[in-house]
Amino acid sequence: MTLRVTNTLSGEREVFEPRSEPVLLYYCGLTTSDPAHLGHARGWVHVDVMHRWLEHLGYEVRHVENFTDVNEKIVARVGKDGSSETDVARSYIRDILRDMRSLNLLRAEVYPRVSEHVPEIIELVETLVEKGYAYESGGSVYFDVTAFEEYGKLSNQDVETLDAQGDPDERAEKRNPADFALWKAGGVGPGDIAEHRHEGAAPPEEACATAGTFESPWGEGRPGWHIECSAMSTTHLDDTIDIHVGGQDLVFPHHENEIAQSEAATGQQFARYWLHVRLLDAADEEKMSSSLGNFETVAEAVDRYGANAVRTFLLSTAYHNDAVYSRETMGEAEERWDRLRRGCERAREARDSVNARAKMTDDIFREAVADAREEFTTAMNDDFNTRRALAALEGVVGAVNTHLDGHDEYDYRGLRDAVDLLEECAGGVFGLDFSTAGQTGEATVAGELVELLLAVREEERAAGNYDRADDLRDDLEALGVEVQDTDEGPEYRFE
C-alpha cells in the first residue's frame, strides 16, 4: 500500500510523492521561553515516528527542527531563568535537548537557531523588498499581503476580511492592517513583555536592556517571527521541501505567512505537503499550553511514567485527531506499554527456550502475526495512523499469549516472526525501548519494586499464608498501586 497523507494545503488525502531523495522534512520548533510540556512532546513524537516510518519505507530523510531564541517571551524571563535573553534561551535549549533525548527521539540533522541566521533573514527580507512584496516603514519592514495573489490558500482566509496582524502600535506604519512584520525596528520595550512577565523576573527596563538587536539596511532591529522559519528551512533544506509539520494552532498566521514570504521570494512552491498535529487537551478540555499553565512538563511525565509509557500515550491517538491528557489516559497507556513489554519478553523467552521446536507449526498463530504486520503497515501508510498501528501490535501480543498458553511445545518460527515484528515495528518505528536501559524514570524503579513485592505475595499465597498475602496487597493499594489477579498472574497499575 502506498503512503497517503492528509495535506492541509489541499484538504485532501494524497499519495505521498517526494520531489526527490532525500525526503526534506521541516518541523516548527519551540520558542525557548518555557519548559517543554506534553503538548510539545506530542508533536515531537509524531514527527519522530513519521521520520522513522519514511526510513522504514526505504527513504533517506533530512529532518530539520528550529529553535526560536530571539523573542519577547524570552526577554520576559530575564532575571528568573537567566541574566539575559541569550542566557535564558540557552538554558531552555539545553533542557529541551535533554527532554528530546529522554523520549528516545531520532536526532534531526540540525537544530538551527534564529540568532545564528540573522544574515539569511536580512537577505530574504531584502529580496522581498526588491521584488515589491515588502516595504519599509519607520525602520520596520512589512509584507504586503495584497501583493501575493495566493495569500490565504493554506488557511482559506480572504485578504479582504482578515483582521489586523501584529501589535496595535504597528498599524499606523502599515498599508494594510493584515500586513505582517518581517523586520522590527529597535529593540524590546517594557510594553512588549508586559503580558509575558513571570513572578521573580527582572524589572522590565532591566530585562529589555539585555534583548539583542542586529544591524540591517533599515537600522537596528530584530527579525519578525514568521520570516525565521523561511530563512532556516531554505538554508538547511531547499527552496522547496517535501513535508512541513507543525501544530494545528500554527496554520494561521505562521504557516500562511511562511508560504507567502517564501514563495514570493523564490518563485517556487515552498512545501509540497503540510501536516498539522492536532491539539493535546488537558482534562479540563482546554488545549495544553504554557500560557494557560495547565500542563505537565516532559521532564515530569518521563520521571513519573517512564519514556515508553509517555510515547505509548502520545501514539495512542493519531496525529490528525485531538487527544486528551489525564491521569486516567496515562494510566491506560502505562498498561498498554506494560502489556507490550511483557508480551515481547515472553515471546523472546519462549523463542529461546528448549520448548521452541522446529517442526511445531501453529498456523493460526502464524497467520495472526502475518495479519498484524499487514495491518500495521496499512495503518501507518494511512496518514501515519498510529492508533490503528498500536492496536495491531497489541494483537501480536494477544496471539503470542494464546499460543503459549495453549501449547506445551512452541512454534519457533512463529515466535521468531512475532519478536521480529515487535522489535521492528514497536521498537524501530514507534521508538519504544524494550531493553532494561529503556526503562527510565521513577515509574520504572517503582515498577520493579512492585513486581518484587508481588513475587513475595505469590510466594506467601503458595505457602498458604493468605492473610500475609492480603496484607501485602492492601499495603500496595495504600501506596496507590491497584492490583488485579488474573489467570495469567497478578497485574497492577499506578492510580
Protein backbone atom coordinates (compact mmCIF):
# COMPACT_ATOMS: atom_id res chain seq x y z
CA MET A 1 0.00 0.00 0.00
CA THR A 2 1.26 3.48 -0.87
CA LEU A 3 1.74 6.08 1.84
CA ARG A 4 -1.02 8.69 1.85
CA VAL A 5 -1.03 11.85 3.94
CA THR A 6 -3.62 14.49 4.74
CA ASN A 7 -2.36 17.69 3.13
CA THR A 8 -3.72 20.80 4.84
CA LEU A 9 -2.93 22.77 1.68
CA SER A 10 -5.41 20.80 -0.44
CA GLY A 11 -7.63 19.49 2.33
CA GLU A 12 -7.31 16.06 0.73
CA ARG A 13 -5.71 12.70 1.50
CA GLU A 14 -2.94 12.48 -1.09
CA VAL A 15 -0.40 9.92 -2.26
CA PHE A 16 2.99 10.92 -0.89
CA GLU A 17 5.40 11.50 -3.76
CA PRO A 18 8.62 13.25 -2.71
CA ARG A 19 10.21 15.54 -5.24
CA SER A 20 13.42 13.53 -4.99
CA GLU A 21 15.52 11.92 -2.31
CA PRO A 22 16.34 12.61 0.40
CA VAL A 23 12.90 13.49 1.73
CA LEU A 24 13.12 17.03 3.14
CA LEU A 25 11.23 17.32 6.44
CA TYR A 26 10.92 20.54 8.45
CA TYR A 27 9.25 20.86 11.84
CA CYS A 28 8.49 24.20 13.51
CA GLY A 29 10.28 24.00 16.83
CA LEU A 30 9.79 25.80 20.11
CA THR A 31 10.17 29.33 21.30
CA THR A 32 12.65 28.77 24.11
CA SER A 33 10.81 30.62 26.85
CA ASP A 34 9.09 27.84 28.82
CA PRO A 35 9.69 24.24 29.84
CA ALA A 36 8.62 21.75 27.17
CA HIS A 37 5.30 20.12 28.04
CA LEU A 38 3.43 17.07 26.78
CA GLY A 39 1.70 19.15 24.10
CA HIS A 40 5.11 19.87 22.62
CA ALA A 41 6.12 16.23 23.08
CA ARG A 42 3.09 15.15 21.08
CA GLY A 43 4.45 16.96 18.05
CA TRP A 44 7.98 15.70 18.63
CA VAL A 45 6.97 12.06 18.95
CA HIS A 46 4.66 12.06 15.94
CA VAL A 47 7.27 13.76 13.76
CA ASP A 48 9.81 11.26 15.06
CA VAL A 49 7.55 8.37 14.01
CA MET A 50 6.96 9.99 10.60
CA HIS A 51 10.73 10.15 10.20
CA ARG A 52 11.13 6.54 11.31
CA TRP A 53 8.35 5.26 9.04
CA LEU A 54 9.74 7.06 5.99
CA GLU A 55 13.09 5.41 6.66
CA HIS A 56 11.32 2.09 7.17
CA LEU A 57 9.84 2.52 3.69
CA GLY A 58 13.35 2.98 2.32
CA TYR A 59 13.61 6.76 2.05
CA GLU A 60 16.57 8.79 3.20
CA VAL A 61 15.29 11.65 5.38
CA ARG A 62 16.79 15.07 6.11
CA HIS A 63 14.96 16.37 9.16
CA VAL A 64 15.41 19.93 10.46
CA GLU A 65 13.81 21.44 13.57
CA ASN A 66 14.44 25.00 14.70
CA PHE A 67 14.71 26.87 17.98
CA THR A 68 13.34 30.41 18.28
CA ASP A 69 15.81 32.07 20.62
CA VAL A 70 15.02 35.72 19.80
CA ASN A 71 11.60 36.60 21.20
CA GLU A 72 9.87 38.95 23.64
CA LYS A 73 8.64 35.98 25.71
CA ILE A 74 12.26 35.04 26.36
CA VAL A 75 13.10 38.57 27.47
CA ALA A 76 10.20 38.38 29.92
CA ARG A 77 12.04 35.53 31.69
CA VAL A 78 15.25 37.50 32.27
CA GLY A 79 16.17 37.61 35.94
CA LYS A 80 14.21 34.45 36.67
CA ASP A 81 15.79 31.91 34.30
CA GLY A 82 18.92 33.74 33.17
CA SER A 83 20.72 37.05 33.16
CA SER A 84 19.96 37.96 29.53
CA GLU A 85 17.80 36.99 26.57
CA THR A 86 20.66 34.84 25.26
CA ASP A 87 21.23 33.23 28.65
CA VAL A 88 17.55 32.34 29.12
CA ALA A 89 17.33 30.85 25.63
CA ARG A 90 20.47 28.76 26.10
CA SER A 91 19.13 27.41 29.39
CA TYR A 92 15.86 26.30 27.82
CA ILE A 93 17.54 24.88 24.71
CA ARG A 94 19.71 22.75 26.99
CA ASP A 95 16.63 21.47 28.82
CA ILE A 96 14.69 20.87 25.60
CA LEU A 97 17.53 18.83 24.10
CA ARG A 98 17.66 16.79 27.32
CA ASP A 99 13.90 16.19 27.11
CA MET A 100 14.18 15.14 23.47
CA ARG A 101 16.88 12.60 24.34
CA SER A 102 14.80 11.27 27.23
CA LEU A 103 11.98 10.45 24.80
CA ASN A 104 14.27 8.44 22.51
CA LEU A 105 13.79 10.77 19.54
CA LEU A 106 15.90 10.36 16.44
CA ARG A 107 18.21 13.32 16.11
CA ALA A 108 17.40 15.92 13.50
CA GLU A 109 20.13 16.75 11.01
CA VAL A 110 20.43 20.21 12.57
CA TYR A 111 18.61 22.36 15.14
CA PRO A 112 19.07 25.90 13.75
CA ARG A 113 18.58 28.93 15.97
CA VAL A 114 17.24 32.30 14.88
CA SER A 115 20.18 34.17 16.41
CA GLU A 116 22.66 32.44 14.09
CA HIS A 117 20.60 33.06 10.93
CA VAL A 118 20.08 36.81 11.03
CA PRO A 119 22.20 37.35 7.85
CA GLU A 120 19.98 34.91 5.94
CA ILE A 121 16.86 36.57 7.33
CA ILE A 122 18.05 40.02 6.24
CA GLU A 123 18.93 38.72 2.78
CA LEU A 124 15.45 37.19 2.42
CA VAL A 125 13.77 40.43 3.52
CA GLU A 126 15.88 42.39 1.05
CA THR A 127 14.75 40.08 -1.75
CA LEU A 128 11.11 40.62 -0.85
CA VAL A 129 11.56 44.41 -0.83
CA GLU A 130 13.34 44.31 -4.20
CA LYS A 131 10.55 42.20 -5.72
CA GLY A 132 7.82 44.54 -4.47
CA TYR A 133 6.30 42.19 -1.90
CA ALA A 134 7.52 44.14 1.12
CA TYR A 135 8.06 47.76 2.13
CA GLU A 136 9.97 49.70 4.75
CA SER A 137 8.10 51.94 7.18
CA GLY A 138 9.61 53.65 10.21
CA GLY A 139 12.65 51.37 10.20
CA SER A 140 10.48 48.24 10.13
CA VAL A 141 9.70 46.12 7.08
CA TYR A 142 6.26 44.66 6.38
CA PHE A 143 4.99 42.05 3.93
CA ASP A 144 2.21 43.36 1.69
CA VAL A 145 -0.40 40.59 1.76
CA THR A 146 -2.26 42.12 -1.18
CA ALA A 147 0.83 41.74 -3.39
CA PHE A 148 0.80 37.94 -3.09
CA GLU A 149 -2.22 36.72 -5.02
CA GLU A 150 -2.43 33.32 -3.31
CA TYR A 151 -2.34 34.67 0.23
CA GLY A 152 -4.77 32.65 2.35
CA LYS A 153 -4.53 29.40 0.36
CA LEU A 154 -3.44 27.30 3.35
CA SER A 155 -5.90 28.62 5.93
CA ASN A 156 -8.65 29.52 3.43
CA GLN A 157 -8.58 33.13 4.59
CA ASP A 158 -9.84 36.02 2.46
CA VAL A 159 -7.50 39.01 2.47
CA GLU A 160 -10.45 41.38 2.34
CA THR A 161 -11.87 40.04 5.61
CA LEU A 162 -8.65 39.47 7.53
CA ASP A 163 -8.21 41.02 10.94
CA ALA A 164 -5.11 43.05 11.74
CA GLN A 165 -1.89 41.14 12.34
CA GLY A 166 0.83 42.14 14.77
CA ASP A 167 0.96 44.64 17.61
CA PRO A 168 -1.58 47.51 17.66
CA ASP A 169 1.22 50.09 17.60
CA GLU A 170 2.34 48.77 14.20
CA ARG A 171 -0.91 49.58 12.45
CA ALA A 172 -0.10 53.21 11.77
CA GLU A 173 3.01 52.08 9.88
CA LYS A 174 1.27 49.51 7.69
CA ARG A 175 -0.50 49.93 4.38
CA ASN A 176 -2.96 47.18 5.25
CA PRO A 177 -3.85 46.04 8.79
CA ALA A 178 -3.28 42.42 7.71
CA ASP A 179 0.32 43.09 6.61
CA PHE A 180 2.84 41.41 8.89
CA ALA A 181 6.30 42.36 10.13
CA LEU A 182 9.39 40.87 8.53
CA TRP A 183 11.76 43.14 10.45
CA LYS A 184 11.01 45.20 13.57
CA ALA A 185 12.80 48.46 14.23
CA GLY A 186 14.59 48.97 17.52
CA GLY A 187 14.72 46.64 20.48
CA VAL A 188 12.25 45.33 23.04
CA GLY A 189 10.31 47.73 25.25
CA PRO A 190 8.60 47.15 28.60
CA GLY A 191 5.22 47.14 26.90
CA ASP A 192 6.31 44.27 24.64
CA ILE A 193 6.89 41.93 27.58
CA ALA A 194 4.18 43.11 29.99
CA GLU A 195 1.76 40.24 29.37
CA HIS A 196 4.52 37.60 29.43
CA ARG A 197 6.39 38.52 32.61
CA HIS A 198 6.78 35.93 35.34
CA GLU A 199 7.00 36.36 39.07
CA GLY A 200 10.61 36.78 40.04
CA ALA A 201 11.67 38.26 36.70
CA ALA A 202 13.87 41.33 36.50
CA PRO A 203 12.30 44.81 36.27
CA PRO A 204 11.05 45.40 32.71
CA GLU A 205 13.62 48.07 31.82
CA GLU A 206 16.45 45.90 33.10
CA ALA A 207 15.22 42.82 31.21
CA CYS A 208 14.68 44.72 27.97
CA ALA A 209 18.22 46.12 28.10
CA THR A 210 19.50 42.53 27.60
CA ALA A 211 17.49 41.91 24.42
CA GLY A 212 19.66 41.58 21.33
CA THR A 213 19.38 43.88 18.31
CA PHE A 214 21.01 43.47 14.91
CA GLU A 215 22.30 45.80 12.21
CA SER A 216 20.28 45.84 9.00
CA PRO A 217 19.81 48.06 5.91
CA TRP A 218 16.83 49.58 7.75
CA GLY A 219 18.67 50.27 11.01
CA GLU A 220 18.97 48.37 14.30
CA GLY A 221 16.20 45.90 14.84
CA ARG A 222 15.03 42.33 15.30
CA PRO A 223 13.56 39.69 12.97
CA GLY A 224 9.82 39.18 12.72
CA TRP A 225 8.53 35.80 13.87
CA HIS A 226 7.38 34.29 10.58
CA ILE A 227 10.45 35.08 8.48
CA GLU A 228 12.62 32.92 10.73
CA CYS A 229 11.37 29.54 9.57
CA SER A 230 11.52 30.50 5.89
CA ALA A 231 15.16 31.52 6.27
CA MET A 232 16.18 28.47 8.29
CA SER A 233 14.36 25.88 6.18
CA THR A 234 15.71 27.22 2.88
CA THR A 235 19.20 27.48 4.35
CA HIS A 236 19.36 23.89 5.60
CA LEU A 237 16.99 22.12 3.21
CA ASP A 238 15.98 23.79 -0.07
CA ASP A 239 13.65 26.39 -1.58
CA THR A 240 11.07 23.59 -1.89
CA ILE A 241 10.69 21.00 0.87
CA ASP A 242 8.62 17.84 0.87
CA ILE A 243 6.93 17.86 4.28
CA HIS A 244 6.35 20.78 6.63
CA VAL A 245 4.92 19.76 10.01
CA GLY A 246 3.70 21.94 12.84
CA GLY A 247 0.95 22.31 15.39
CA GLN A 248 -2.60 22.94 14.27
CA ASP A 249 -2.53 26.33 16.01
CA LEU A 250 0.21 27.50 13.60
CA VAL A 251 -1.81 27.18 10.39
CA PHE A 252 -2.65 30.86 10.61
CA PRO A 253 -0.90 33.16 10.70
CA HIS A 254 2.51 31.49 10.99
CA HIS A 255 2.39 28.90 8.25
CA GLU A 256 0.26 31.04 5.96
CA ASN A 257 2.87 33.77 6.23
CA GLU A 258 5.71 31.32 5.70
CA ILE A 259 4.17 30.30 2.39
CA ALA A 260 3.62 33.87 1.25
CA GLN A 261 7.10 35.18 2.01
CA SER A 262 8.92 32.04 0.83
CA GLU A 263 7.10 31.65 -2.47
CA ALA A 264 7.19 35.39 -3.16
CA ALA A 265 10.97 35.35 -2.69
CA THR A 266 11.83 32.17 -4.60
CA GLY A 267 9.01 31.84 -7.13
CA GLN A 268 8.76 28.16 -6.15
CA GLN A 269 6.33 26.11 -4.10
CA PHE A 270 7.54 26.25 -0.52
CA ALA A 271 6.23 22.92 0.82
CA ARG A 272 4.51 20.11 -1.05
CA TYR A 273 2.75 18.57 1.94
CA TRP A 274 1.57 20.42 5.05
CA LEU A 275 0.83 18.12 8.01
CA HIS A 276 -0.59 19.54 11.23
CA VAL A 277 -0.52 17.81 14.59
CA ARG A 278 -3.77 18.49 16.39
CA LEU A 279 -4.04 19.67 19.94
CA LEU A 280 -3.48 17.85 23.19
CA ASP A 281 -6.28 18.86 25.53
CA ALA A 282 -5.93 18.80 29.27
CA ALA A 283 -8.63 17.10 31.31
CA ASP A 284 -10.46 20.43 31.60
CA GLU A 285 -10.94 20.38 27.79
CA GLU A 286 -8.64 23.32 27.17
CA LYS A 287 -5.60 22.85 24.99
CA MET A 288 -2.43 22.17 26.93
CA SER A 289 -0.30 25.31 26.71
CA SER A 290 2.37 27.24 28.53
CA SER A 291 0.22 30.37 28.65
CA LEU A 292 -2.66 28.58 30.39
CA GLY A 293 -0.34 26.84 32.83
CA ASN A 294 -2.36 23.61 32.56
CA PHE A 295 0.48 21.41 31.50
CA GLU A 296 2.72 18.62 32.73
CA THR A 297 6.30 19.07 31.60
CA VAL A 298 8.08 16.42 29.60
CA ALA A 299 10.62 16.00 32.40
CA GLU A 300 7.87 15.47 34.98
CA ALA A 301 6.00 12.97 32.81
CA VAL A 302 9.08 10.93 31.93
CA ASP A 303 10.14 10.92 35.57
CA ARG A 304 6.70 9.77 36.71
CA TYR A 305 5.73 7.30 33.99
CA GLY A 306 8.87 6.48 32.03
CA ALA A 307 9.61 7.35 28.41
CA ASN A 308 7.96 4.26 26.95
CA ALA A 309 4.64 4.88 28.66
CA VAL A 310 4.72 8.54 27.56
CA ARG A 311 5.43 7.56 23.95
CA THR A 312 2.68 4.93 24.10
CA PHE A 313 0.23 7.55 25.37
CA LEU A 314 1.15 10.04 22.65
CA LEU A 315 0.91 7.42 19.90
CA SER A 316 -2.42 6.05 21.15
CA THR A 317 -4.13 8.81 19.14
CA ALA A 318 -3.24 9.55 15.51
CA TYR A 319 -1.57 12.92 14.95
CA HIS A 320 -4.54 14.19 12.92
CA ASN A 321 -7.00 13.70 15.81
CA ASP A 322 -7.32 15.64 19.05
CA ALA A 323 -6.04 13.85 22.14
CA VAL A 324 -6.91 14.22 25.82
CA TYR A 325 -4.41 14.05 28.65
CA SER A 326 -5.44 12.93 32.12
CA ARG A 327 -4.15 10.62 34.79
CA GLU A 328 -6.67 8.07 33.54
CA THR A 329 -5.45 8.16 29.92
CA MET A 330 -1.85 7.99 31.12
CA GLY A 331 -2.76 5.03 33.29
CA GLU A 332 -4.21 3.28 30.26
CA ALA A 333 -1.00 3.99 28.35
CA GLU A 334 1.08 2.53 31.17
CA GLU A 335 -0.98 -0.65 30.98
CA ARG A 336 -0.67 -0.83 27.18
CA TRP A 337 3.08 -0.38 27.32
CA ASP A 338 3.35 -2.97 30.09
CA ARG A 339 1.40 -5.50 28.00
CA LEU A 340 3.66 -4.86 25.02
CA ARG A 341 6.80 -5.18 27.14
CA ARG A 342 5.64 -8.34 28.89
CA GLY A 343 4.46 -9.83 25.59
CA CYS A 344 7.78 -9.17 23.91
CA GLU A 345 9.71 -10.57 26.87
CA ARG A 346 7.52 -13.66 26.96
CA ALA A 347 7.87 -14.23 23.22
CA ARG A 348 11.66 -13.84 23.41
CA GLU A 349 11.96 -16.24 26.33
CA ALA A 350 9.74 -18.82 24.63
CA ARG A 351 11.56 -18.46 21.30
CA ASP A 352 14.88 -19.12 23.02
CA SER A 353 13.63 -21.93 25.26
CA VAL A 354 14.02 -25.69 24.82
CA ASN A 355 10.28 -25.90 24.20
CA ALA A 356 10.56 -23.98 20.89
CA ARG A 357 10.52 -26.66 18.21
CA ALA A 358 11.49 -26.62 14.55
CA LYS A 359 8.63 -28.86 13.41
CA MET A 360 5.92 -27.44 15.62
CA THR A 361 3.52 -25.41 13.45
CA ASP A 362 0.63 -23.30 14.69
CA ASP A 363 -0.97 -21.98 11.52
CA ILE A 364 -3.47 -19.82 13.38
CA PHE A 365 -0.64 -18.17 15.34
CA ARG A 366 1.47 -17.56 12.25
CA GLU A 367 -1.49 -16.14 10.36
CA ALA A 368 -2.28 -13.79 13.25
CA VAL A 369 1.30 -12.47 13.24
CA ALA A 370 1.27 -12.02 9.45
CA ASP A 371 -2.10 -10.24 9.61
CA ALA A 372 -0.79 -7.94 12.34
CA ARG A 373 2.21 -6.97 10.22
CA GLU A 374 -0.07 -6.23 7.28
CA GLU A 375 -2.44 -4.21 9.47
CA PHE A 376 0.46 -2.23 10.99
CA THR A 377 1.73 -1.38 7.51
CA THR A 378 -1.73 -0.45 6.26
CA ALA A 379 -2.34 1.79 9.29
CA MET A 380 0.97 3.61 9.01
CA ASN A 381 0.52 4.15 5.28
CA ASP A 382 -2.92 5.57 6.05
CA ASP A 383 -1.66 9.01 7.11
CA PHE A 384 0.55 7.63 9.90
CA ASN A 385 -2.40 6.21 11.84
CA THR A 386 -0.53 5.25 14.99
CA ARG A 387 -3.74 4.39 16.87
CA ARG A 388 -4.57 1.54 14.48
CA ALA A 389 -0.93 0.52 14.25
CA LEU A 390 -0.66 0.25 18.04
CA ALA A 391 -3.77 -1.94 18.10
CA ALA A 392 -2.07 -4.24 15.57
CA LEU A 393 0.94 -4.58 17.88
CA GLU A 394 -1.34 -5.44 20.78
CA GLY A 395 -2.87 -8.10 18.55
CA VAL A 396 0.57 -9.70 18.20
CA VAL A 397 0.91 -9.88 21.98
CA GLY A 398 -2.53 -11.45 22.24
CA ALA A 399 -1.58 -14.05 19.64
CA VAL A 400 1.66 -14.82 21.48
CA ASN A 401 -0.16 -15.34 24.78
CA THR A 402 -2.84 -17.52 23.18
CA HIS A 403 -0.19 -19.70 21.50
CA LEU A 404 1.95 -20.12 24.62
CA ASP A 405 -1.00 -20.75 26.93
CA GLY A 406 -2.40 -23.39 24.60
CA HIS A 407 0.71 -25.46 23.94
CA ASP A 408 3.47 -27.25 25.83
CA GLU A 409 5.75 -27.04 22.79
CA TYR A 410 6.09 -23.83 20.81
CA ASP A 411 6.22 -22.80 17.18
CA TYR A 412 9.78 -21.45 16.89
CA ARG A 413 9.26 -19.77 13.53
CA GLY A 414 6.02 -18.18 14.63
CA LEU A 415 7.65 -16.80 17.77
CA ARG A 416 10.64 -15.59 15.80
CA ASP A 417 8.33 -13.69 13.44
CA ALA A 418 6.38 -12.23 16.35
CA VAL A 419 9.53 -10.99 18.09
CA ASP A 420 10.89 -9.59 14.83
CA LEU A 421 7.63 -7.72 14.28
CA LEU A 422 7.60 -6.24 17.79
CA GLU A 423 11.27 -5.23 17.65
CA GLU A 424 10.99 -3.82 14.13
CA CYS A 425 7.66 -2.00 14.46
CA ALA A 426 7.20 -1.25 18.17
CA GLY A 427 10.92 -0.68 18.58
CA GLY A 428 12.23 0.64 15.29
CA VAL A 429 9.15 2.55 14.11
CA PHE A 430 7.42 3.54 17.35
CA GLY A 431 10.70 4.13 19.16
CA LEU A 432 9.76 2.01 22.19
CA ASP A 433 12.76 0.61 24.05
CA PHE A 434 12.39 -3.00 25.19
CA SER A 435 15.84 -3.07 26.80
CA THR A 436 16.31 -2.67 30.53
CA ALA A 437 18.13 0.59 29.80
CA GLY A 438 14.94 1.91 28.22
CA GLN A 439 13.01 1.67 31.46
CA THR A 440 13.88 5.11 32.79
CA GLY A 441 12.32 7.29 35.42
CA GLU A 442 10.70 6.80 38.80
CA ALA A 443 7.96 4.76 37.14
CA THR A 444 10.44 2.02 36.24
CA VAL A 445 12.09 1.87 39.64
CA ALA A 446 8.66 1.82 41.28
CA GLY A 447 7.52 -0.87 38.84
CA GLU A 448 10.47 -3.07 39.69
CA LEU A 449 9.73 -2.73 43.40
CA VAL A 450 6.05 -3.52 42.87
CA GLU A 451 6.94 -6.64 40.86
CA LEU A 452 9.29 -7.74 43.64
CA LEU A 453 6.53 -7.32 46.23
CA LEU A 454 4.05 -9.15 44.03
CA ALA A 455 6.51 -12.04 43.71
CA VAL A 456 6.77 -12.18 47.52
CA ARG A 457 2.97 -12.07 47.69
CA GLU A 458 2.71 -15.03 45.29
CA GLU A 459 5.17 -16.98 47.46
CA GLU A 460 3.05 -16.26 50.51
CA ARG A 461 -0.08 -17.43 48.71
CA ALA A 462 1.65 -20.57 47.50
CA ALA A 463 2.68 -21.28 51.09
CA GLY A 464 -0.91 -20.82 52.25
CA ASN A 465 -0.19 -17.55 54.06
CA TYR A 466 -3.25 -15.82 52.64
CA ASP A 467 -3.55 -13.23 55.37
CA ARG A 468 0.03 -12.08 54.76
CA ALA A 469 -0.63 -12.00 51.00
CA ASP A 470 -3.75 -9.88 51.56
CA ASP A 471 -1.77 -7.53 53.79
CA LEU A 472 0.81 -7.01 51.01
CA ARG A 473 -1.97 -6.25 48.56
CA ASP A 474 -3.54 -3.75 50.97
CA ASP A 475 -0.16 -2.11 51.53
CA LEU A 476 0.33 -1.70 47.79
CA GLU A 477 -3.13 -0.21 47.32
CA ALA A 478 -2.44 2.23 50.17
CA LEU A 479 0.59 3.37 48.18
CA GLY A 480 -1.53 3.94 45.07
CA VAL A 481 -0.92 0.61 43.31
CA GLU A 482 -4.07 -1.17 42.15
CA VAL A 483 -3.55 -4.96 41.98
CA GLN A 484 -5.78 -7.30 40.00
CA ASP A 485 -5.39 -11.08 40.00
CA THR A 486 -5.83 -12.73 36.59
CA ASP A 487 -5.44 -16.20 35.13
CA GLU A 488 -2.00 -15.12 33.88
CA GLY A 489 -0.91 -13.84 37.27
CA PRO A 490 -1.27 -10.55 39.11
CA GLU A 491 -1.40 -7.31 37.14
CA TYR A 492 -1.04 -3.81 38.54
CA ARG A 493 -1.37 -0.15 37.67
CA PHE A 494 -0.46 3.07 39.39
CA GLU A 495 -3.55 5.02 40.42
